[in-house]
Amino acid sequence: MRKKIKIEVWLALVAFLTVPSFAMAEPSEWTREATYFDKATHKLGYGLSNVGKGWSEIYIHMIKAHENRGNTLTGLMRGTYYAAADTLGGIFHTVTFFLPVDLPLPEGGAHGFEGSPSAT
């Protein structure tokens, strides 16, 4: 019973800390499409892209922190957060591609190594 309460408190804390970043995020790029078919196919591609590239956020944020003479540990923490958010968001978008429901990802989702605007 006590372990269950600890888990519930932990989940509530995680939800409390992550929900504001999703709420402040811009709408996903696939929402700009005109037709249902275009939205569904672009949402599927967007989801798969975030699932595939989400892990790269860890390295991108560490590299950017180092280049900006920041704390690499902070880059690791931020990158881990963005990697988890983008990967889990990508799974959500992939599974629900047929529904026009958006879950905005922090800073537009994963961009891979081709230049991530989310890396600071």
C-alpha atoms as a PDB file:
ATOM      1  CA  MET A   1       0.000   0.000   0.000  1.00  0.00           C
ATOM      2  CA  ARG A   2       2.782   2.406   0.922  1.00  0.00           C
ATOM      3  CA  LYS A   3       4.683   1.594  -2.287  1.00  0.00           C
ATOM      4  CA  LYS A   4       1.555   2.316  -4.328  1.00  0.00           C
ATOM      5  CA  ILE A   5       1.226   5.761  -2.727  1.00  0.00           C
ATOM      6  CA  LYS A   6       4.874   6.531  -3.521  1.00  0.00           C
ATOM      7  CA  ILE A   7       4.341   5.566  -7.160  1.00  0.00           C
ATOM      8  CA  GLU A   8       1.212   7.720  -7.393  1.00  0.00           C
ATOM      9  CA  VAL A   9       3.016  10.708  -5.873  1.00  0.00           C
ATOM     10  CA  TRP A  10       5.930  10.216  -8.283  1.00  0.00           C
ATOM     11  CA  LEU A  11       3.583  10.029 -11.303  1.00  0.00           C
ATOM     12  CA  ALA A  12       1.717  13.134 -10.145  1.00  0.00           C
ATOM     13  CA  LEU A  13       5.011  15.011  -9.804  1.00  0.00           C
ATOM     14  CA  VAL A  14       6.168  13.963 -13.267  1.00  0.00           C
ATOM     15  CA  ALA A  15       2.805  14.971 -14.769  1.00  0.00           C
ATOM     16  CA  PHE A  16       2.915  18.308 -12.938  1.00  0.00           C
ATOM     17  CA  LEU A  17       6.376  19.073 -14.311  1.00  0.00           C
ATOM     18  CA  THR A  18       5.797  17.941 -17.902  1.00  0.00           C
ATOM     19  CA  VAL A  19       2.268  19.131 -18.685  1.00  0.00           C
ATOM     20  CA  PRO A  20       3.175  22.852 -18.763  1.00  0.00           C
ATOM     21  CA  SER A  21       5.867  22.264 -21.397  1.00  0.00           C
ATOM     22  CA  PHE A  22       3.354  20.473 -23.635  1.00  0.00           C
ATOM     23  CA  ALA A  23       0.744  23.166 -23.041  1.00  0.00           C
ATOM     24  CA  MET A  24       3.140  25.947 -24.079  1.00  0.00           C
ATOM     25  CA  ALA A  25       4.365  24.101 -27.169  1.00  0.00           C
ATOM     26  CA  GLU A  26       3.382  25.151 -30.660  1.00  0.00           C
ATOM     27  CA  PRO A  27       0.912  22.924 -32.541  1.00  0.00           C
ATOM     28  CA  SER A  28       2.525  20.077 -34.459  1.00  0.00           C
ATOM     29  CA  GLU A  29       3.420  20.688 -38.089  1.00  0.00           C
ATOM     30  CA  TRP A  30       0.921  18.133 -39.417  1.00  0.00           C
ATOM     31  CA  THR A  31      -2.013  20.212 -38.083  1.00  0.00           C
ATOM     32  CA  ARG A  32      -1.502  22.714 -40.920  1.00  0.00           C
ATOM     33  CA  GLU A  33      -2.564  20.187 -43.571  1.00  0.00           C
ATOM     34  CA  ALA A  34      -5.893  20.812 -45.325  1.00  0.00           C
ATOM     35  CA  THR A  35      -7.486  17.381 -45.756  1.00  0.00           C
ATOM     36  CA  TYR A  36      -8.052  14.515 -43.356  1.00  0.00           C
ATOM     37  CA  PHE A  37      -5.933  12.157 -45.465  1.00  0.00           C
ATOM     38  CA  ASP A  38      -3.019  14.601 -45.512  1.00  0.00           C
ATOM     39  CA  LYS A  39      -3.294  15.165 -41.767  1.00  0.00           C
ATOM     40  CA  ALA A  40      -3.391  11.421 -41.036  1.00  0.00           C
ATOM     41  CA  THR A  41      -0.432  10.551 -43.266  1.00  0.00           C
ATOM     42  CA  HIS A  42       1.683  13.473 -42.063  1.00  0.00           C
ATOM     43  CA  LYS A  43       0.826  12.700 -38.437  1.00  0.00           C
ATOM     44  CA  LEU A  44       1.966   9.097 -38.963  1.00  0.00           C
ATOM     45  CA  GLY A  45       5.234  10.287 -40.506  1.00  0.00           C
ATOM     46  CA  TYR A  46       5.699  12.864 -37.754  1.00  0.00           C
ATOM     47  CA  GLY A  47       5.183  10.196 -35.106  1.00  0.00           C
ATOM     48  CA  LEU A  48       7.580   7.727 -36.709  1.00  0.00           C
ATOM     49  CA  SER A  49      10.164  10.477 -37.141  1.00  0.00           C
ATOM     50  CA  ASN A  50       9.993  11.372 -33.456  1.00  0.00           C
ATOM     51  CA  VAL A  51      10.212   7.739 -32.400  1.00  0.00           C
ATOM     52  CA  GLY A  52      13.280   7.268 -34.600  1.00  0.00           C
ATOM     53  CA  LYS A  53      15.043  10.538 -33.815  1.00  0.00           C
ATOM     54  CA  GLY A  54      13.999  11.137 -30.211  1.00  0.00           C
ATOM     55  CA  TRP A  55      17.131   9.533 -28.765  1.00  0.00           C
ATOM     56  CA  SER A  56      19.351  11.975 -30.668  1.00  0.00           C
ATOM     57  CA  GLU A  57      18.152  14.850 -28.472  1.00  0.00           C
ATOM     58  CA  ILE A  58      20.429  13.581 -25.684  1.00  0.00           C
ATOM     59  CA  TYR A  59      23.561  14.060 -27.786  1.00  0.00           C
ATOM     60  CA  ILE A  60      22.352  17.276 -29.426  1.00  0.00           C
ATOM     61  CA  HIS A  61      21.760  18.992 -26.098  1.00  0.00           C
ATOM     62  CA  MET A  62      25.059  17.774 -24.661  1.00  0.00           C
ATOM     63  CA  ILE A  63      26.963  19.030 -27.715  1.00  0.00           C
ATOM     64  CA  LYS A  64      25.174  22.390 -27.712  1.00  0.00           C
ATOM     65  CA  ALA A  65      25.807  22.834 -23.974  1.00  0.00           C
ATOM     66  CA  HIS A  66      29.498  22.120 -24.529  1.00  0.00           C
ATOM     67  CA  GLU A  67      29.706  24.481 -27.533  1.00  0.00           C
ATOM     68  CA  ASN A  68      28.036  27.259 -25.530  1.00  0.00           C
ATOM     69  CA  ARG A  69      30.451  26.653 -22.651  1.00  0.00           C
ATOM     70  CA  GLY A  70      27.571  25.474 -20.530  1.00  0.00           C
ATOM     71  CA  ASN A  71      27.288  22.587 -18.159  1.00  0.00           C
ATOM     72  CA  THR A  72      27.355  19.296 -20.067  1.00  0.00           C
ATOM     73  CA  LEU A  73      25.440  17.624 -17.234  1.00  0.00           C
ATOM     74  CA  THR A  74      22.638  20.129 -17.730  1.00  0.00           C
ATOM     75  CA  GLY A  75      22.713  19.294 -21.436  1.00  0.00           C
ATOM     76  CA  LEU A  76      22.449  15.609 -20.562  1.00  0.00           C
ATOM     77  CA  MET A  77      19.460  16.225 -18.296  1.00  0.00           C
ATOM     78  CA  ARG A  78      17.713  18.466 -20.818  1.00  0.00           C
ATOM     79  CA  GLY A  79      18.479  16.050 -23.642  1.00  0.00           C
ATOM     80  CA  THR A  80      17.112  13.113 -21.668  1.00  0.00           C
ATOM     81  CA  TYR A  81      13.897  15.041 -21.004  1.00  0.00           C
ATOM     82  CA  TYR A  82      13.493  16.008 -24.662  1.00  0.00           C
ATOM     83  CA  ALA A  83      14.362  12.475 -25.818  1.00  0.00           C
ATOM     84  CA  ALA A  84      11.705  10.961 -23.564  1.00  0.00           C
ATOM     85  CA  ALA A  85       9.103  13.583 -24.488  1.00  0.00           C
ATOM     86  CA  ASP A  86       9.767  13.266 -28.236  1.00  0.00           C
ATOM     87  CA  THR A  87       9.866   9.459 -28.213  1.00  0.00           C
ATOM     88  CA  LEU A  88       6.723   9.060 -26.109  1.00  0.00           C
ATOM     89  CA  GLY A  89       4.990  11.793 -28.093  1.00  0.00           C
ATOM     90  CA  GLY A  90       6.035  10.037 -31.291  1.00  0.00           C
ATOM     91  CA  ILE A  91       4.502   6.808 -30.040  1.00  0.00           C
ATOM     92  CA  PHE A  92       1.289   8.717 -29.264  1.00  0.00           C
ATOM     93  CA  HIS A  93       1.225  10.284 -32.739  1.00  0.00           C
ATOM     94  CA  THR A  94       1.961   6.960 -34.433  1.00  0.00           C
ATOM     95  CA  VAL A  95      -0.716   5.025 -32.559  1.00  0.00           C
ATOM     96  CA  THR A  96      -3.362   7.741 -32.995  1.00  0.00           C
ATOM     97  CA  PHE A  97      -2.491   8.847 -36.528  1.00  0.00           C
ATOM     98  CA  PHE A  98      -6.069   8.288 -37.699  1.00  0.00           C
ATOM     99  CA  LEU A  99      -7.433  10.726 -35.078  1.00  0.00           C
ATOM    100  CA  PRO A 100      -6.948  14.477 -35.611  1.00  0.00           C
ATOM    101  CA  VAL A 101      -5.844  14.957 -31.989  1.00  0.00           C
ATOM    102  CA  ASP A 102      -2.617  16.834 -31.389  1.00  0.00           C
ATOM    103  CA  LEU A 103      -0.131  16.450 -28.565  1.00  0.00           C
ATOM    104  CA  PRO A 104       2.293  19.313 -29.167  1.00  0.00           C
ATOM    105  CA  LEU A 105       5.866  18.262 -28.506  1.00  0.00           C
ATOM    106  CA  PRO A 106       8.391  20.587 -26.865  1.00  0.00           C
ATOM    107  CA  GLU A 107       9.941  22.827 -29.518  1.00  0.00           C
ATOM    108  CA  GLY A 108       8.396  20.964 -32.423  1.00  0.00           C
ATOM    109  CA  GLY A 109       9.676  17.467 -31.700  1.00  0.00           C
ATOM    110  CA  ALA A 110      12.906  15.719 -32.596  1.00  0.00           C
ATOM    111  CA  HIS A 111      14.976  17.126 -35.440  1.00  0.00           C
ATOM    112  CA  GLY A 112      17.871  14.706 -35.425  1.00  0.00           C
ATOM    113  CA  PHE A 113      21.393  15.860 -36.149  1.00  0.00           C
ATOM    114  CA  GLU A 114      20.490  18.030 -39.124  1.00  0.00           C
ATOM    115  CA  GLY A 115      20.220  21.026 -36.827  1.00  0.00           C
ATOM    116  CA  SER A 116      17.910  21.043 -33.902  1.00  0.00           C
ATOM    117  CA  PRO A 117      16.383  24.397 -33.015  1.00  0.00           C
ATOM    118  CA  SER A 118      15.468  22.891 -29.650  1.00  0.00           C
ATOM    119  CA  ALA A 119      19.094  22.599 -28.600  1.00  0.00           C
ATOM    120  CA  THR A 120      20.228  25.520 -26.502  1.00  0.00           C
END
